[in-house]
Amino acid sequence: NLDNTQATLPCRFGDYVLEKVLGRGGMGVVYLATQSNLNRQVAVKMIRSGALASDDEVIRFYAEARSAGSLMHPAIITIYHCGEHEGHHF
């Protein structure tokens, strides 16, 4: 289960199994995860404040995802999916 800042790992999060924390920033936490339906490793970023995120944090989070998703460059990550699961935005 996820609380507002940290998960007990490994844990299931929708179609993903969160395995370990790769990094933390001012706004988010990035996990190494396995996407179950495609059996591939991915990185999953979530808002650090979890289900307690403010409307402003959620707006900024999705704006960042849209910005990164519109760019195509080998040094920039590819965004495959974003959304919300059980109150947690990813």
PDB file of N, CA and C in Angstrom:
ATOM      1  N   ASN A   1       0.831  -1.199   0.000  1.00  0.00           N
ATOM      2  CA  ASN A   1       0.000   0.000   0.000  1.00  0.00           C
ATOM      3  C   ASN A   1       0.863   1.246   0.000  1.00  0.00           C
ATOM      4  N   LEU A   2       0.324   2.318  -0.588  1.00  0.00           N
ATOM      5  CA  LEU A   2       1.022   3.596  -0.625  1.00  0.00           C
ATOM      6  C   LEU A   2       0.440   4.495   0.446  1.00  0.00           C
ATOM      7  N   ASP A   3       1.295   5.141   1.209  1.00  0.00           N
ATOM      8  CA  ASP A   3       0.784   6.206   2.065  1.00  0.00           C
ATOM      9  C   ASP A   3       1.050   7.506   1.328  1.00  0.00           C
ATOM     10  N   ASN A   4       1.057   8.632   2.024  1.00  0.00           N
ATOM     11  CA  ASN A   4       1.181   9.888   1.290  1.00  0.00           C
ATOM     12  C   ASN A   4       2.593  10.151   0.794  1.00  0.00           C
ATOM     13  N   THR A   5       3.627   9.484   1.291  1.00  0.00           N
ATOM     14  CA  THR A   5       4.974   9.785   0.822  1.00  0.00           C
ATOM     15  C   THR A   5       5.802   8.563   0.467  1.00  0.00           C
ATOM     16  N   GLN A   6       5.459   7.389   0.944  1.00  0.00           N
ATOM     17  CA  GLN A   6       6.337   6.256   0.732  1.00  0.00           C
ATOM     18  C   GLN A   6       5.558   4.959   0.673  1.00  0.00           C
ATOM     19  N   ALA A   7       6.028   4.059  -0.172  1.00  0.00           N
ATOM     20  CA  ALA A   7       5.407   2.746  -0.300  1.00  0.00           C
ATOM     21  C   ALA A   7       6.268   1.709   0.398  1.00  0.00           C
ATOM     22  N   THR A   8       5.642   0.649   0.894  1.00  0.00           N
ATOM     23  CA  THR A   8       6.376  -0.522   1.361  1.00  0.00           C
ATOM     24  C   THR A   8       6.619  -1.364   0.122  1.00  0.00           C
ATOM     25  N   LEU A   9       7.874  -1.536  -0.242  1.00  0.00           N
ATOM     26  CA  LEU A   9       8.220  -2.158  -1.517  1.00  0.00           C
ATOM     27  C   LEU A   9       8.646  -3.605  -1.337  1.00  0.00           C
ATOM     28  N   PRO A  10       8.404  -4.445  -2.333  1.00  0.00           N
ATOM     29  CA  PRO A  10       7.641  -4.143  -3.548  1.00  0.00           C
ATOM     30  C   PRO A  10       6.149  -4.080  -3.250  1.00  0.00           C
ATOM     31  N   CYS A  11       5.437  -3.337  -4.102  1.00  0.00           N
ATOM     32  CA  CYS A  11       3.977  -3.275  -3.960  1.00  0.00           C
ATOM     33  C   CYS A  11       3.335  -3.083  -5.320  1.00  0.00           C
ATOM     34  N   ARG A  12       2.104  -3.554  -5.420  1.00  0.00           N
ATOM     35  CA  ARG A  12       1.333  -3.397  -6.661  1.00  0.00           C
ATOM     36  C   ARG A  12       0.709  -2.015  -6.684  1.00  0.00           C
ATOM     37  N   PHE A  13       0.772  -1.390  -7.863  1.00  0.00           N
ATOM     38  CA  PHE A  13       0.166  -0.083  -8.093  1.00  0.00           C
ATOM     39  C   PHE A  13      -0.478  -0.150  -9.472  1.00  0.00           C
ATOM     40  N   GLY A  14      -1.754  -0.500  -9.504  1.00  0.00           N
ATOM     41  CA  GLY A  14      -2.430  -0.690 -10.790  1.00  0.00           C
ATOM     42  C   GLY A  14      -1.753  -1.807 -11.556  1.00  0.00           C
ATOM     43  N   ASP A  15      -1.328  -1.526 -12.793  1.00  0.00           N
ATOM     44  CA  ASP A  15      -0.662  -2.523 -13.634  1.00  0.00           C
ATOM     45  C   ASP A  15       0.838  -2.601 -13.355  1.00  0.00           C
ATOM     46  N   TYR A  16       1.324  -1.874 -12.379  1.00  0.00           N
ATOM     47  CA  TYR A  16       2.748  -1.813 -12.094  1.00  0.00           C
ATOM     48  C   TYR A  16       3.062  -2.465 -10.752  1.00  0.00           C
ATOM     49  N   VAL A  17       4.258  -3.031 -10.659  1.00  0.00           N
ATOM     50  CA  VAL A  17       4.793  -3.482  -9.380  1.00  0.00           C
ATOM     51  C   VAL A  17       5.984  -2.577  -9.093  1.00  0.00           C
ATOM     52  N   LEU A  18       5.846  -1.722  -8.081  1.00  0.00           N
ATOM     53  CA  LEU A  18       6.914  -0.813  -7.696  1.00  0.00           C
ATOM     54  C   LEU A  18       7.965  -1.610  -6.946  1.00  0.00           C
ATOM     55  N   GLU A  19       9.222  -1.539  -7.402  1.00  0.00           N
ATOM     56  CA  GLU A  19      10.264  -2.390  -6.845  1.00  0.00           C
ATOM     57  C   GLU A  19      11.233  -1.652  -5.933  1.00  0.00           C
ATOM     58  N   LYS A  20      11.688  -0.474  -6.351  1.00  0.00           N
ATOM     59  CA  LYS A  20      12.600   0.298  -5.508  1.00  0.00           C
ATOM     60  C   LYS A  20      12.573   1.756  -5.922  1.00  0.00           C
ATOM     61  N   VAL A  21      12.991   2.627  -5.002  1.00  0.00           N
ATOM     62  CA  VAL A  21      13.063   4.063  -5.279  1.00  0.00           C
ATOM     63  C   VAL A  21      14.330   4.329  -6.076  1.00  0.00           C
ATOM     64  N   LEU A  22      14.181   5.016  -7.210  1.00  0.00           N
ATOM     65  CA  LEU A  22      15.328   5.424  -8.006  1.00  0.00           C
ATOM     66  C   LEU A  22      15.799   6.819  -7.622  1.00  0.00           C
ATOM     67  N   GLY A  23      14.871   7.670  -7.198  1.00  0.00           N
ATOM     68  CA  GLY A  23      15.241   9.022  -6.826  1.00  0.00           C
ATOM     69  C   GLY A  23      14.056   9.795  -6.292  1.00  0.00           C
ATOM     70  N   ARG A  24      14.412  10.889  -5.601  1.00  0.00           N
ATOM     71  CA  ARG A  24      13.405  11.802  -5.052  1.00  0.00           C
ATOM     72  C   ARG A  24      13.794  13.224  -5.425  1.00  0.00           C
ATOM     73  N   GLY A  25      12.788  14.014  -5.732  1.00  0.00           N
ATOM     74  CA  GLY A  25      13.018  15.421  -6.022  1.00  0.00           C
ATOM     75  C   GLY A  25      12.100  16.258  -5.165  1.00  0.00           C
ATOM     76  N   GLY A  26      12.066  17.546  -5.451  1.00  0.00           N
ATOM     77  CA  GLY A  26      11.231  18.447  -4.689  1.00  0.00           C
ATOM     78  C   GLY A  26       9.759  18.118  -4.784  1.00  0.00           C
ATOM     79  N   MET A  27       9.334  17.591  -5.927  1.00  0.00           N
ATOM     80  CA  MET A  27       7.918  17.340  -6.148  1.00  0.00           C
ATOM     81  C   MET A  27       7.576  15.855  -6.266  1.00  0.00           C
ATOM     82  N   GLY A  28       8.527  15.028  -6.680  1.00  0.00           N
ATOM     83  CA  GLY A  28       8.167  13.662  -6.998  1.00  0.00           C
ATOM     84  C   GLY A  28       9.113  12.606  -6.474  1.00  0.00           C
ATOM     85  N   VAL A  29       8.648  11.366  -6.582  1.00  0.00           N
ATOM     86  CA  VAL A  29       9.428  10.173  -6.275  1.00  0.00           C
ATOM     87  C   VAL A  29       9.370   9.307  -7.529  1.00  0.00           C
ATOM     88  N   VAL A  30      10.533   8.777  -7.937  1.00  0.00           N
ATOM     89  CA  VAL A  30      10.603   7.910  -9.110  1.00  0.00           C
ATOM     90  C   VAL A  30      10.958   6.504  -8.647  1.00  0.00           C
ATOM     91  N   TYR A  31      10.146   5.545  -9.095  1.00  0.00           N
ATOM     92  CA  TYR A  31      10.328   4.146  -8.735  1.00  0.00           C
ATOM     93  C   TYR A  31      10.744   3.335  -9.956  1.00  0.00           C
ATOM     94  N   LEU A  32      11.605   2.340  -9.749  1.00  0.00           N
ATOM     95  CA  LEU A  32      11.814   1.288 -10.736  1.00  0.00           C
ATOM     96  C   LEU A  32      10.619   0.356 -10.572  1.00  0.00           C
ATOM     97  N   ALA A  33       9.989   0.009 -11.680  1.00  0.00           N
ATOM     98  CA  ALA A  33       8.784  -0.813 -11.613  1.00  0.00           C
ATOM     99  C   ALA A  33       8.749  -1.792 -12.766  1.00  0.00           C
ATOM    100  N   THR A  34       7.905  -2.789 -12.627  1.00  0.00           N
ATOM    101  CA  THR A  34       7.610  -3.698 -13.732  1.00  0.00           C
ATOM    102  C   THR A  34       6.179  -3.436 -14.157  1.00  0.00           C
ATOM    103  N   GLN A  35       5.995  -3.188 -15.444  1.00  0.00           N
ATOM    104  CA  GLN A  35       4.649  -3.037 -16.000  1.00  0.00           C
ATOM    105  C   GLN A  35       4.173  -4.450 -16.321  1.00  0.00           C
ATOM    106  N   SER A  36       3.187  -4.908 -15.571  1.00  0.00           N
ATOM    107  CA  SER A  36       2.785  -6.318 -15.620  1.00  0.00           C
ATOM    108  C   SER A  36       2.284  -6.763 -16.986  1.00  0.00           C
ATOM    109  N   ASN A  37       1.385  -6.002 -17.604  1.00  0.00           N
ATOM    110  CA  ASN A  37       0.770  -6.491 -18.839  1.00  0.00           C
ATOM    111  C   ASN A  37       1.745  -6.567 -20.007  1.00  0.00           C
ATOM    112  N   LEU A  38       2.842  -5.805 -19.968  1.00  0.00           N
ATOM    113  CA  LEU A  38       3.846  -5.867 -21.033  1.00  0.00           C
ATOM    114  C   LEU A  38       5.138  -6.519 -20.563  1.00  0.00           C
ATOM    115  N   ASN A  39       5.193  -6.897 -19.282  1.00  0.00           N
ATOM    116  CA  ASN A  39       6.369  -7.543 -18.700  1.00  0.00           C
ATOM    117  C   ASN A  39       7.656  -6.785 -19.049  1.00  0.00           C
ATOM    118  N   ARG A  40       7.668  -5.484 -18.745  1.00  0.00           N
ATOM    119  CA  ARG A  40       8.858  -4.682 -19.007  1.00  0.00           C
ATOM    120  C   ARG A  40       9.151  -3.783 -17.819  1.00  0.00           C
ATOM    121  N   GLN A  41      10.427  -3.443 -17.678  1.00  0.00           N
ATOM    122  CA  GLN A  41      10.805  -2.513 -16.621  1.00  0.00           C
ATOM    123  C   GLN A  41      10.572  -1.092 -17.087  1.00  0.00           C
ATOM    124  N   VAL A  42      10.050  -0.275 -16.188  1.00  0.00           N
ATOM    125  CA  VAL A  42       9.763   1.125 -16.466  1.00  0.00           C
ATOM    126  C   VAL A  42      10.101   1.944 -15.222  1.00  0.00           C
ATOM    127  N   ALA A  43      10.116   3.231 -15.387  1.00  0.00           N
ATOM    128  CA  ALA A  43      10.199   4.154 -14.250  1.00  0.00           C
ATOM    129  C   ALA A  43       8.815   4.760 -14.071  1.00  0.00           C
ATOM    130  N   VAL A  44       8.370   4.829 -12.825  1.00  0.00           N
ATOM    131  CA  VAL A  44       7.069   5.428 -12.508  1.00  0.00           C
ATOM    132  C   VAL A  44       7.324   6.596 -11.571  1.00  0.00           C
ATOM    133  N   LYS A  45       6.905   7.784 -11.990  1.00  0.00           N
ATOM    134  CA  LYS A  45       7.049   8.978 -11.161  1.00  0.00           C
ATOM    135  C   LYS A  45       5.701   9.316 -10.556  1.00  0.00           C
ATOM    136  N   MET A  46       5.723   9.633  -9.258  1.00  0.00           N
ATOM    137  CA  MET A  46       4.503  10.025  -8.558  1.00  0.00           C
ATOM    138  C   MET A  46       4.739  11.332  -7.814  1.00  0.00           C
ATOM    139  N   ILE A  47       3.656  12.033  -7.577  1.00  0.00           N
ATOM    140  CA  ILE A  47       3.737  13.231  -6.752  1.00  0.00           C
ATOM    141  C   ILE A  47       4.124  12.802  -5.345  1.00  0.00           C
ATOM    142  N   ARG A  48       5.108  13.465  -4.786  1.00  0.00           N
ATOM    143  CA  ARG A  48       5.655  13.074  -3.485  1.00  0.00           C
ATOM    144  C   ARG A  48       4.616  13.110  -2.365  1.00  0.00           C
ATOM    145  N   SER A  49       3.695  14.060  -2.428  1.00  0.00           N
ATOM    146  CA  SER A  49       2.691  14.179  -1.371  1.00  0.00           C
ATOM    147  C   SER A  49       1.516  13.219  -1.574  1.00  0.00           C
ATOM    148  N   GLY A  50       1.583  12.389  -2.617  1.00  0.00           N
ATOM    149  CA  GLY A  50       0.608  11.328  -2.836  1.00  0.00           C
ATOM    150  C   GLY A  50      -0.821  11.811  -2.924  1.00  0.00           C
ATOM    151  N   ALA A  51      -1.703  11.112  -2.227  1.00  0.00           N
ATOM    152  CA  ALA A  51      -3.130  11.417  -2.267  1.00  0.00           C
ATOM    153  C   ALA A  51      -3.454  12.753  -1.603  1.00  0.00           C
ATOM    154  N   LEU A  52      -2.487  13.339  -0.890  1.00  0.00           N
ATOM    155  CA  LEU A  52      -2.704  14.644  -0.248  1.00  0.00           C
ATOM    156  C   LEU A  52      -2.243  15.801  -1.120  1.00  0.00           C
ATOM    157  N   ALA A  53      -1.895  15.534  -2.378  1.00  0.00           N
ATOM    158  CA  ALA A  53      -1.403  16.571  -3.277  1.00  0.00           C
ATOM    159  C   ALA A  53      -2.442  17.661  -3.472  1.00  0.00           C
ATOM    160  N   SER A  54      -1.963  18.902  -3.500  1.00  0.00           N
ATOM    161  CA  SER A  54      -2.856  20.034  -3.741  1.00  0.00           C
ATOM    162  C   SER A  54      -3.232  20.090  -5.223  1.00  0.00           C
ATOM    163  N   ASP A  55      -4.275  20.830  -5.527  1.00  0.00           N
ATOM    164  CA  ASP A  55      -4.685  21.006  -6.927  1.00  0.00           C
ATOM    165  C   ASP A  55      -3.539  21.597  -7.746  1.00  0.00           C
ATOM    166  N   ASP A  56      -2.794  22.541  -7.165  1.00  0.00           N
ATOM    167  CA  ASP A  56      -1.676  23.179  -7.863  1.00  0.00           C
ATOM    168  C   ASP A  56      -0.574  22.162  -8.178  1.00  0.00           C
ATOM    169  N   GLU A  57      -0.277  21.276  -7.231  1.00  0.00           N
ATOM    170  CA  GLU A  57       0.734  20.231  -7.473  1.00  0.00           C
ATOM    171  C   GLU A  57       0.301  19.306  -8.610  1.00  0.00           C
ATOM    172  N   VAL A  58      -0.957  18.936  -8.618  1.00  0.00           N
ATOM    173  CA  VAL A  58      -1.473  18.043  -9.657  1.00  0.00           C
ATOM    174  C   VAL A  58      -1.396  18.733 -11.024  1.00  0.00           C
ATOM    175  N   ILE A  59      -1.777  19.987 -11.102  1.00  0.00           N
ATOM    176  CA  ILE A  59      -1.724  20.742 -12.361  1.00  0.00           C
ATOM    177  C   ILE A  59      -0.284  20.813 -12.862  1.00  0.00           C
ATOM    178  N   ARG A  60       0.660  21.131 -11.978  1.00  0.00           N
ATOM    179  CA  ARG A  60       2.074  21.220 -12.365  1.00  0.00           C
ATOM    180  C   ARG A  60       2.612  19.856 -12.809  1.00  0.00           C
ATOM    181  N   PHE A  61       2.210  18.797 -12.122  1.00  0.00           N
ATOM    182  CA  PHE A  61       2.659  17.441 -12.443  1.00  0.00           C
ATOM    183  C   PHE A  61       2.248  17.058 -13.865  1.00  0.00           C
ATOM    184  N   TYR A  62       0.978  17.275 -14.215  1.00  0.00           N
ATOM    185  CA  TYR A  62       0.503  16.924 -15.554  1.00  0.00           C
ATOM    186  C   TYR A  62       1.067  17.863 -16.621  1.00  0.00           C
ATOM    187  N   ALA A  63       1.319  19.122 -16.273  1.00  0.00           N
ATOM    188  CA  ALA A  63       1.951  20.041 -17.225  1.00  0.00           C
ATOM    189  C   ALA A  63       3.361  19.553 -17.570  1.00  0.00           C
ATOM    190  N   GLU A  64       4.083  19.072 -16.554  1.00  0.00           N
ATOM    191  CA  GLU A  64       5.425  18.516 -16.790  1.00  0.00           C
ATOM    192  C   GLU A  64       5.345  17.279 -17.681  1.00  0.00           C
ATOM    193  N   ALA A  65       4.386  16.412 -17.425  1.00  0.00           N
ATOM    194  CA  ALA A  65       4.224  15.201 -18.247  1.00  0.00           C
ATOM    195  C   ALA A  65       3.902  15.563 -19.691  1.00  0.00           C
ATOM    196  N   ARG A  66       3.014  16.539 -19.894  1.00  0.00           N
ATOM    197  CA  ARG A  66       2.673  16.965 -21.263  1.00  0.00           C
ATOM    198  C   ARG A  66       3.884  17.569 -21.957  1.00  0.00           C
ATOM    199  N   SER A  67       4.660  18.386 -21.239  1.00  0.00           N
ATOM    200  CA  SER A  67       5.846  19.000 -21.833  1.00  0.00           C
ATOM    201  C   SER A  67       6.864  17.940 -22.242  1.00  0.00           C
ATOM    202  N   ALA A  68       7.172  17.019 -21.332  1.00  0.00           N
ATOM    203  CA  ALA A  68       8.136  15.962 -21.640  1.00  0.00           C
ATOM    204  C   ALA A  68       7.607  15.057 -22.741  1.00  0.00           C
ATOM    205  N   GLY A  69       6.314  14.793 -22.738  1.00  0.00           N
ATOM    206  CA  GLY A  69       5.713  13.928 -23.742  1.00  0.00           C
ATOM    207  C   GLY A  69       5.708  14.511 -25.141  1.00  0.00           C
ATOM    208  N   SER A  70       5.846  15.819 -25.252  1.00  0.00           N
ATOM    209  CA  SER A  70       5.841  16.454 -26.574  1.00  0.00           C
ATOM    210  C   SER A  70       7.235  16.529 -27.193  1.00  0.00           C
ATOM    211  N   LEU A  71       8.268  16.143 -26.456  1.00  0.00           N
ATOM    212  CA  LEU A  71       9.644  16.234 -26.930  1.00  0.00           C
ATOM    213  C   LEU A  71      10.141  14.883 -27.424  1.00  0.00           C
ATOM    214  N   MET A  72      10.943  14.902 -28.460  1.00  0.00           N
ATOM    215  CA  MET A  72      11.546  13.682 -28.998  1.00  0.00           C
ATOM    216  C   MET A  72      13.050  13.909 -29.089  1.00  0.00           C
ATOM    217  N   HIS A  73      13.801  13.264 -28.204  1.00  0.00           N
ATOM    218  CA  HIS A  73      15.248  13.381 -28.196  1.00  0.00           C
ATOM    219  C   HIS A  73      15.814  12.194 -27.427  1.00  0.00           C
ATOM    220  N   PRO A  74      16.948  11.638 -27.860  1.00  0.00           N
ATOM    221  CA  PRO A  74      17.494  10.464 -27.171  1.00  0.00           C
ATOM    222  C   PRO A  74      17.863  10.710 -25.703  1.00  0.00           C
ATOM    223  N   ALA A  75      18.087  11.948 -25.320  1.00  0.00           N
ATOM    224  CA  ALA A  75      18.468  12.263 -23.935  1.00  0.00           C
ATOM    225  C   ALA A  75      17.273  12.632 -23.062  1.00  0.00           C
ATOM    226  N   ILE A  76      16.061  12.536 -23.612  1.00  0.00           N
ATOM    227  CA  ILE A  76      14.845  12.888 -22.867  1.00  0.00           C
ATOM    228  C   ILE A  76      13.974  11.646 -22.761  1.00  0.00           C
ATOM    229  N   ILE A  77      13.473  11.386 -21.569  1.00  0.00           N
ATOM    230  CA  ILE A  77      12.641  10.211 -21.363  1.00  0.00           C
ATOM    231  C   ILE A  77      11.389  10.256 -22.231  1.00  0.00           C
ATOM    232  N   THR A  78      10.867   9.095 -22.531  1.00  0.00           N
ATOM    233  CA  THR A  78       9.609   8.980 -23.264  1.00  0.00           C
ATOM    234  C   THR A  78       8.497   8.731 -22.250  1.00  0.00           C
ATOM    235  N   ILE A  79       7.427   9.486 -22.361  1.00  0.00           N
ATOM    236  CA  ILE A  79       6.266   9.309 -21.493  1.00  0.00           C
ATOM    237  C   ILE A  79       5.311   8.343 -22.186  1.00  0.00           C
ATOM    238  N   TYR A  80       5.000   7.221 -21.530  1.00  0.00           N
ATOM    239  CA  TYR A  80       4.093   6.231 -22.098  1.00  0.00           C
ATOM    240  C   TYR A  80       2.692   6.325 -21.529  1.00  0.00           C
ATOM    241  N   HIS A  81       2.576   6.813 -20.308  1.00  0.00           N
ATOM    242  CA  HIS A  81       1.276   6.770 -19.652  1.00  0.00           C
ATOM    243  C   HIS A  81       1.292   7.735 -18.472  1.00  0.00           C
ATOM    244  N   CYS A  82       0.223   8.410 -18.245  1.00  0.00           N
ATOM    245  CA  CYS A  82       0.067   9.180 -17.015  1.00  0.00           C
ATOM    246  C   CYS A  82      -1.398   9.092 -16.612  1.00  0.00           C
ATOM    247  N   GLY A  83      -1.627   9.276 -15.341  1.00  0.00           N
ATOM    248  CA  GLY A  83      -2.996   9.171 -14.868  1.00  0.00           C
ATOM    249  C   GLY A  83      -3.055   9.166 -13.358  1.00  0.00           C
ATOM    250  N   GLU A  84      -4.128   8.589 -12.864  1.00  0.00           N
ATOM    251  CA  GLU A  84      -4.373   8.549 -11.415  1.00  0.00           C
ATOM    252  C   GLU A  84      -4.863   7.154 -11.057  1.00  0.00           C
ATOM    253  N   HIS A  85      -4.366   6.642  -9.952  1.00  0.00           N
ATOM    254  CA  HIS A  85      -4.797   5.330  -9.449  1.00  0.00           C
ATOM    255  C   HIS A  85      -4.955   5.450  -7.941  1.00  0.00           C
ATOM    256  N   GLU A  86      -6.168   5.227  -7.468  1.00  0.00           N
ATOM    257  CA  GLU A  86      -6.471   5.275  -6.043  1.00  0.00           C
ATOM    258  C   GLU A  86      -5.979   6.573  -5.380  1.00  0.00           C
ATOM    259  N   GLY A  87      -6.181   7.683  -6.080  1.00  0.00           N
ATOM    260  CA  GLY A  87      -5.828   8.992  -5.539  1.00  0.00           C
ATOM    261  C   GLY A  87      -4.390   9.409  -5.728  1.00  0.00           C
ATOM    262  N   HIS A  88      -3.568   8.532  -6.319  1.00  0.00           N
ATOM    263  CA  HIS A  88      -2.151   8.843  -6.547  1.00  0.00           C
ATOM    264  C   HIS A  88      -1.931   9.119  -8.020  1.00  0.00           C
ATOM    265  N   HIS A  89      -1.365  10.287  -8.328  1.00  0.00           N
ATOM    266  CA  HIS A  89      -1.099  10.677  -9.709  1.00  0.00           C
ATOM    267  C   HIS A  89       0.274  10.174 -10.113  1.00  0.00           C
ATOM    268  N   PHE A  90       0.363   9.640 -11.345  1.00  0.00           N
ATOM    269  CA  PHE A  90       1.641   9.090 -11.838  1.00  0.00           C
ATOM    270  C   PHE A  90       1.841   9.410 -13.291  1.00  0.00           C
TER     271      PHE A  90
END
